Structure formats: structure tokens, C-alpha cells
Amino acid sequence: MFINVEGGTKTQRKHVESMAIFAAYKLMGKLADRIELDIELSPRLYKEDHNIGDVIYEDSNHKPRQFTMRVDNTVKMRRILETVAHEMVHAKQFAKGELVELVKSQATRWHGKSIKKIPEYWERPWEIEAHGRETGLFLKWVEDQGLEKESWTWDDLDKYKQAYEQ
């Protein structure tokens, strides 16, 4: 896998690169070896696009191998990394041909089925998968990196449990 991360802090770049590589191999296996990914950490993404992250393919709409991901780096580190995991699910969907944007027919193909009327965001099956996998990928990455004791890796429920157990 070729990956380039720009913007943000040195720590953000280090963790983002690590998360992207981890997620790519978890989601795509050996296909990840053929993926090129540019990641832009931007302090303006949410302000400009009302979006914490996105990913687009740069080469082909059918099983692309080159992607650009943008992530707002003004949110907390955990949210940045969960966003990277989320967007890596979309990269996997595109790279494996599970999700194909059909430009001429103005439709989307999801697992071989053409969808002309795109559902609302939370009803899109590709978003359901991405949201469903982002936290699990993040937690597995945290475990793999040995970062369980770092407070920034916890969510509010983890903090509540930690306080309750003491």
C-alpha cells in the first residue's frame, strides 16, 4: 500500500497513517497492496463542507485503486481515527466493486443491484456498513497498538465504566 498523509500535527499524521494501513489490510487483505491513498488533514473541512471526512476515487469508478481522503483534524483524535476507519470502509467498497457510482445512468450499484433513488444518508446500505464497522476497527487498532490506557481512546461510556469500577 502506498500512503501519503499531509496536514495536521506529527502525532495526527502518525496515527492516521497507522489506522489507514491497519483498516486497509483488515478490510481488503492482499488487495490493500495495490491501493494508493492520499490523506489530507484539514482544519477547514467541517466549516467548508459540513463533513468530518470523505473519500473519493481518483482513477476509475469500477474497482479503483487510487483514492484521496479528507479528514477534519480539529475534532478529537478518537473521532479523527474513527472517521479514517469509516472512510476506509468506503474505499474497500469501491475497490472491491461493492459500491459503484454509475455516472451515465445517475444511479449507484450496491452489491450488483442498481439503485436509482438514493435513500436518505442513514438508510444507505454503504453508510450502514461504514458506521457499523468504524468503532470496531478503531478498537481493534487501539488494542493492536497497545493504546488501551490512553484516555483519548476512550468514549464517554468507557470513562463512566472506569470511574464506576474504582
Protein backbone atom coordinates (compact mmCIF):
# COMPACT_ATOMS: atom_id res chain seq x y z
CA MET A 1 0.00 0.00 0.00
CA PHE A 2 1.24 3.46 -0.86
CA ILE A 3 0.04 6.12 1.54
CA ASN A 4 0.76 9.81 1.91
CA VAL A 5 -0.61 11.90 4.79
CA GLU A 6 -0.42 15.69 4.74
CA GLY A 7 -1.51 18.42 7.15
CA GLY A 8 -2.31 18.14 10.82
CA THR A 9 0.22 17.51 13.56
CA LYS A 10 3.01 14.96 13.55
CA THR A 11 1.06 12.79 16.02
CA GLN A 12 -2.13 13.03 13.95
CA ARG A 13 -0.26 12.05 10.79
CA LYS A 14 1.39 9.10 12.54
CA HIS A 15 -1.88 7.71 13.96
CA VAL A 16 -3.87 8.40 10.78
CA GLU A 17 -1.34 6.57 8.62
CA SER A 18 -1.26 3.64 11.05
CA MET A 19 -5.07 3.44 11.20
CA ALA A 20 -5.44 3.63 7.41
CA ILE A 21 -2.94 0.81 6.87
CA PHE A 22 -4.50 -1.30 9.64
CA ALA A 23 -8.04 -0.82 8.27
CA ALA A 24 -6.96 -1.42 4.67
CA TYR A 25 -5.47 -4.82 5.47
CA LYS A 26 -8.32 -5.82 7.79
CA LEU A 27 -10.91 -4.88 5.16
CA MET A 28 -9.15 -5.75 1.90
CA GLY A 29 -6.46 -8.30 2.65
CA LYS A 30 -3.87 -8.54 -0.14
CA LEU A 31 -5.83 -6.11 -2.31
CA ALA A 32 -4.51 -3.39 0.04
CA ASP A 33 -1.06 -3.92 -1.50
CA ARG A 34 -2.37 -2.32 -4.71
CA ILE A 35 -4.05 0.71 -3.09
CA GLU A 36 -2.69 4.26 -3.32
CA LEU A 37 -4.11 6.65 -0.75
CA ASP A 38 -3.54 10.36 -0.20
CA ILE A 39 -4.95 11.68 3.08
CA GLU A 40 -5.40 15.38 3.67
CA LEU A 41 -5.87 16.50 7.29
CA SER A 42 -7.64 19.84 7.10
CA PRO A 43 -8.77 22.27 9.81
CA ARG A 44 -11.43 23.69 7.45
CA LEU A 45 -13.25 20.63 6.14
CA TYR A 46 -16.20 20.76 8.51
CA LYS A 47 -16.56 24.54 8.20
CA GLU A 48 -16.49 24.39 4.40
CA ASP A 49 -18.33 21.12 3.66
CA HIS A 50 -20.18 20.31 6.92
CA ASN A 51 -18.40 16.99 6.79
CA ILE A 52 -15.80 15.41 9.08
CA GLY A 53 -14.44 13.18 6.34
CA ASP A 54 -14.84 11.86 2.83
CA VAL A 55 -13.08 9.65 0.32
CA ILE A 56 -13.13 9.75 -3.47
CA TYR A 57 -11.56 7.53 -6.10
CA GLU A 58 -9.15 9.18 -8.49
CA ASP A 59 -8.74 6.63 -11.27
CA SER A 60 -11.88 4.65 -12.18
CA ASN A 61 -15.43 4.28 -10.92
CA HIS A 62 -15.11 0.48 -11.22
CA LYS A 63 -12.73 -1.17 -8.73
CA PRO A 64 -10.50 1.89 -8.32
CA ARG A 65 -7.05 1.70 -6.74
CA GLN A 66 -6.24 5.39 -6.18
CA PHE A 67 -8.07 7.37 -3.50
CA THR A 68 -8.00 10.76 -1.82
CA MET A 69 -9.37 11.01 1.71
CA ARG A 70 -10.01 14.25 3.55
CA VAL A 71 -10.45 14.39 7.33
CA ASP A 72 -11.13 17.39 9.54
CA ASN A 73 -8.33 17.44 12.10
CA THR A 74 -9.94 19.86 14.56
CA VAL A 75 -12.03 17.14 16.20
CA LYS A 76 -10.72 14.84 18.94
CA MET A 77 -8.15 12.21 17.99
CA ARG A 78 -10.58 9.32 18.54
CA ARG A 79 -13.09 10.93 16.14
CA ILE A 80 -10.36 11.52 13.55
CA LEU A 81 -9.36 7.86 13.65
CA GLU A 82 -12.93 6.55 13.62
CA THR A 83 -13.51 8.77 10.58
CA VAL A 84 -10.45 7.29 8.86
CA ALA A 85 -11.80 3.80 9.62
CA HIS A 86 -15.24 4.81 8.25
CA GLU A 87 -13.75 6.19 5.05
CA MET A 88 -11.56 3.10 4.64
CA VAL A 89 -14.74 1.02 4.61
CA HIS A 90 -15.91 3.14 1.66
CA ALA A 91 -12.53 2.72 -0.06
CA LYS A 92 -12.94 -1.05 0.37
CA GLN A 93 -16.47 -0.90 -1.04
CA PHE A 94 -15.22 0.92 -4.14
CA ALA A 95 -12.02 -1.14 -4.55
CA LYS A 96 -13.89 -4.46 -4.38
CA GLY A 97 -16.66 -3.27 -6.71
CA GLU A 98 -19.31 -3.50 -3.99
CA LEU A 99 -20.18 0.18 -4.48
CA VAL A 100 -20.11 1.64 -7.98
CA GLU A 101 -21.26 5.11 -8.98
CA LEU A 102 -22.94 4.82 -12.38
CA VAL A 103 -22.42 8.28 -13.81
CA LYS A 104 -24.29 7.86 -17.15
CA SER A 105 -27.42 6.39 -15.58
CA GLN A 106 -27.17 8.60 -12.48
CA ALA A 107 -27.54 5.58 -10.26
CA THR A 108 -25.47 3.65 -7.76
CA ARG A 109 -24.80 -0.07 -7.83
CA TRP A 110 -24.59 -1.76 -4.43
CA HIS A 111 -23.55 -5.43 -4.45
CA GLY A 112 -24.70 -5.74 -8.06
CA LYS A 113 -28.10 -4.10 -7.56
CA SER A 114 -28.78 -0.77 -9.29
CA ILE A 115 -30.25 1.91 -7.02
CA LYS A 116 -31.70 4.88 -8.92
CA LYS A 117 -33.34 6.62 -5.97
CA ILE A 118 -30.62 7.10 -3.37
CA PRO A 119 -32.06 6.73 0.15
CA GLU A 120 -31.51 9.29 2.90
CA TYR A 121 -27.98 9.19 4.35
CA TRP A 122 -28.72 6.94 7.35
CA GLU A 123 -30.65 4.47 5.17
CA ARG A 124 -27.90 3.95 2.59
CA PRO A 125 -26.56 0.39 2.94
CA TRP A 126 -22.97 1.51 2.29
CA GLU A 127 -23.24 4.05 5.14
CA ILE A 128 -24.82 1.46 7.44
CA GLU A 129 -21.81 -0.79 6.84
CA ALA A 130 -19.28 2.04 7.30
CA HIS A 131 -20.86 3.30 10.53
CA GLY A 132 -21.21 -0.26 11.77
CA ARG A 133 -17.52 -1.04 11.28
CA GLU A 134 -15.78 2.22 12.26
CA THR A 135 -15.82 1.71 16.03
CA GLY A 136 -14.81 -1.94 15.86
CA LEU A 137 -11.90 -1.13 13.56
CA PHE A 138 -10.84 1.70 15.88
CA LEU A 139 -10.98 -0.50 18.99
CA LYS A 140 -9.04 -3.33 17.30
CA TRP A 141 -6.43 -0.79 16.17
CA VAL A 142 -6.16 0.59 19.73
CA GLU A 143 -5.63 -2.94 21.03
CA ASP A 144 -3.13 -3.74 18.28
CA GLN A 145 -1.16 -0.57 19.09
CA GLY A 146 -1.27 -1.16 22.86
CA LEU A 147 -3.03 2.17 23.48
CA GLU A 148 -5.84 0.96 25.76
CA LYS A 149 -4.62 3.06 28.68
CA GLU A 150 -4.54 6.31 26.70
CA SER A 151 -7.54 8.37 27.84
CA TRP A 152 -8.11 9.83 24.34
CA THR A 153 -9.02 6.33 23.12
CA TRP A 154 -11.98 6.08 25.49
CA ASP A 155 -15.50 7.22 24.75
CA ASP A 156 -17.90 8.60 27.37
CA LEU A 157 -19.18 5.13 28.27
CA ASP A 158 -15.62 3.91 28.82
CA LYS A 159 -14.97 6.86 31.15
CA TYR A 160 -18.15 6.12 33.07
CA LYS A 161 -17.23 2.43 33.45
CA GLN A 162 -13.70 3.36 34.53
CA ALA A 163 -14.99 5.70 37.25
CA TYR A 164 -17.60 3.18 38.40
CA GLU A 165 -15.04 0.35 38.76
CA GLN A 166 -12.79 2.38 41.07
